[in-house]
Amino acid sequence: MNRPLAVGFVLLLALAAFADLYAAPARPLFVPIVRPPAPHIDFRGTQWFGKTYEGADWTIIFETTGAITNIEGPNTYRVGSWKATGPFSVYMELNNHYYEYRGVVTGDVLAGESSNVNGLRWKTTFRRIATMQQASR
């Protein structure tokens, strides 16, 4: 092999090796995206206003203990419980499961389906009226 050709070949290999040391990757390195936790509704201590099946004024208070305060007209009852079933959904039962409700919150509206042990089913909508912190001010 010709000496100048061999020297040129060696220089070409050295240049290629040097370029590999400082080359930028073809694409950025994988960095996983860390997403913040999904928002959710904290039902504890919130008050909601709606109408009963019969059309009477109805206020529901989701107590921080998981109990329900149920105000129908002038009467107040504390015979029920509730639990969040998702980030924006809730289940409640009154009177030892005589009445059950499953609803989803959109903004300040809680809309869902009510049912009772007699097989009756109907749509029920509540509007948020306060939280316990707001009511105590």
Protein backbone atom coordinates (compact mmCIF):
# COMPACT_ATOMS: atom_id res chain seq x y z
CA MET A 1 0.00 0.00 0.00
CA ASN A 2 1.16 3.47 -0.76
CA ARG A 3 2.53 5.31 2.31
CA PRO A 4 0.62 8.62 1.75
CA LEU A 5 -2.57 6.66 1.19
CA ALA A 6 -2.01 4.71 4.45
CA VAL A 7 -1.35 7.92 6.42
CA GLY A 8 -4.51 9.49 4.96
CA PHE A 9 -6.51 6.41 5.92
CA VAL A 10 -5.19 6.49 9.51
CA LEU A 11 -5.99 10.21 9.77
CA LEU A 12 -9.48 9.58 8.45
CA LEU A 13 -10.04 6.86 11.08
CA ALA A 14 -8.70 9.15 13.84
CA LEU A 15 -11.00 11.96 12.71
CA ALA A 16 -14.00 9.64 12.69
CA ALA A 17 -13.17 8.39 16.22
CA PHE A 18 -12.72 11.98 17.45
CA ALA A 19 -16.08 13.03 15.89
CA ASP A 20 -17.87 10.14 17.65
CA LEU A 21 -16.65 11.40 21.03
CA TYR A 22 -18.32 14.79 20.60
CA ALA A 23 -21.33 13.91 18.47
CA ALA A 24 -24.79 14.93 19.67
CA PRO A 25 -27.31 12.11 20.02
CA ALA A 26 -29.69 11.67 17.12
CA ARG A 27 -32.64 12.25 19.49
CA PRO A 28 -32.94 13.48 23.07
CA LEU A 29 -32.54 10.99 25.86
CA PHE A 30 -35.78 9.55 27.28
CA VAL A 31 -36.99 11.52 30.26
CA PRO A 32 -40.27 10.27 31.74
CA ILE A 33 -42.99 12.87 32.14
CA VAL A 34 -44.05 13.28 35.74
CA ARG A 35 -47.70 14.29 35.85
CA PRO A 36 -49.26 15.93 38.90
CA PRO A 37 -51.91 13.89 40.69
CA ALA A 38 -55.36 14.11 39.18
CA PRO A 39 -57.63 16.69 40.81
CA HIS A 40 -60.52 15.44 42.89
CA ILE A 41 -63.49 16.76 44.81
CA ASP A 42 -63.22 16.73 48.59
CA PHE A 43 -66.83 16.14 49.57
CA ARG A 44 -66.12 16.37 53.31
CA GLY A 45 -68.03 19.25 54.86
CA THR A 46 -69.81 20.32 51.66
CA GLN A 47 -73.51 21.24 51.52
CA TRP A 48 -75.73 20.63 48.50
CA PHE A 49 -79.25 21.81 47.70
CA GLY A 50 -81.78 20.00 45.54
CA LYS A 51 -85.35 18.77 45.47
CA THR A 52 -86.81 15.51 46.75
CA TYR A 53 -88.77 13.21 44.45
CA GLU A 54 -91.91 14.94 45.72
CA GLY A 55 -90.45 18.41 44.97
CA ALA A 56 -89.66 19.54 48.53
CA ASP A 57 -86.51 21.54 49.32
CA TRP A 58 -83.66 19.22 50.26
CA THR A 59 -80.23 19.95 51.69
CA ILE A 60 -77.57 17.27 52.01
CA ILE A 61 -74.43 17.80 54.13
CA PHE A 62 -71.53 15.39 53.62
CA GLU A 63 -70.13 15.28 57.15
CA THR A 64 -66.38 14.79 57.60
CA THR A 65 -67.08 11.53 59.47
CA GLY A 66 -68.77 9.91 56.46
CA ALA A 67 -72.24 10.52 57.87
CA ILE A 68 -75.00 12.45 56.08
CA THR A 69 -77.10 15.26 57.46
CA ASN A 70 -80.32 15.24 55.47
CA ILE A 71 -82.57 18.32 55.76
CA GLU A 72 -85.99 18.00 54.12
CA GLY A 73 -88.07 21.12 54.64
CA PRO A 74 -88.22 21.73 58.42
CA ASN A 75 -86.99 18.21 59.33
CA THR A 76 -83.36 17.22 59.94
CA TYR A 77 -82.24 13.59 59.86
CA ARG A 78 -78.87 11.96 60.47
CA VAL A 79 -79.50 8.42 59.27
CA GLY A 80 -77.18 7.88 56.32
CA SER A 81 -73.64 7.67 55.04
CA TRP A 82 -71.61 8.62 52.00
CA LYS A 83 -68.34 7.75 50.29
CA ALA A 84 -66.40 9.10 47.34
CA THR A 85 -66.37 6.51 44.55
CA GLY A 86 -63.98 8.36 42.24
CA PRO A 87 -62.30 11.74 41.86
CA PHE A 88 -65.63 13.42 40.97
CA SER A 89 -68.25 10.87 42.04
CA VAL A 90 -70.05 10.04 45.25
CA TYR A 91 -72.39 7.39 46.65
CA MET A 92 -74.80 8.00 49.51
CA GLU A 93 -77.41 5.97 51.26
CA LEU A 94 -80.13 7.07 53.64
CA ASN A 95 -82.23 5.16 56.15
CA ASN A 96 -80.28 1.88 56.12
CA HIS A 97 -80.11 1.79 52.27
CA TYR A 98 -83.81 2.52 51.79
CA TYR A 99 -82.65 5.36 49.50
CA GLU A 100 -79.43 5.26 47.44
CA TYR A 101 -77.81 7.86 45.22
CA ARG A 102 -74.88 7.82 42.80
CA GLY A 103 -73.76 11.13 41.33
CA VAL A 104 -70.97 12.93 39.52
CA VAL A 105 -69.81 16.52 40.09
CA THR A 106 -69.33 18.97 37.24
CA GLY A 107 -68.44 22.42 38.57
CA ASP A 108 -70.89 23.11 41.39
CA VAL A 109 -73.52 20.65 40.16
CA LEU A 110 -73.90 17.10 41.48
CA ALA A 111 -76.07 15.11 39.06
CA GLY A 112 -76.98 11.47 39.34
CA GLU A 113 -79.56 8.79 39.84
CA SER A 114 -81.62 8.06 42.92
CA SER A 115 -83.35 4.78 43.74
CA ASN A 116 -85.23 3.22 46.61
CA VAL A 117 -86.05 -0.29 47.80
CA ASN A 118 -89.45 -0.13 46.07
CA GLY A 119 -87.67 -0.15 42.69
CA LEU A 120 -88.35 3.51 41.91
CA ARG A 121 -85.54 5.29 39.99
CA TRP A 122 -85.25 8.99 39.19
CA LYS A 123 -82.72 11.67 38.30
CA THR A 124 -81.63 13.96 41.13
CA THR A 125 -79.54 17.11 40.81
CA PHE A 126 -77.95 19.11 43.62
CA ARG A 127 -76.14 22.45 43.54
CA ARG A 128 -73.25 23.11 45.94
CA ILE A 129 -74.21 25.84 48.39
CA ALA A 130 -71.36 25.88 50.94
CA THR A 131 -68.59 24.10 52.72
CA MET A 132 -68.53 23.82 56.50
CA GLN A 133 -65.72 26.41 56.60
CA GLN A 134 -67.84 28.89 54.61
CA ALA A 135 -70.95 28.21 56.70
CA SER A 136 -69.12 28.86 60.00
CA ARG A 137 -67.85 32.32 58.98
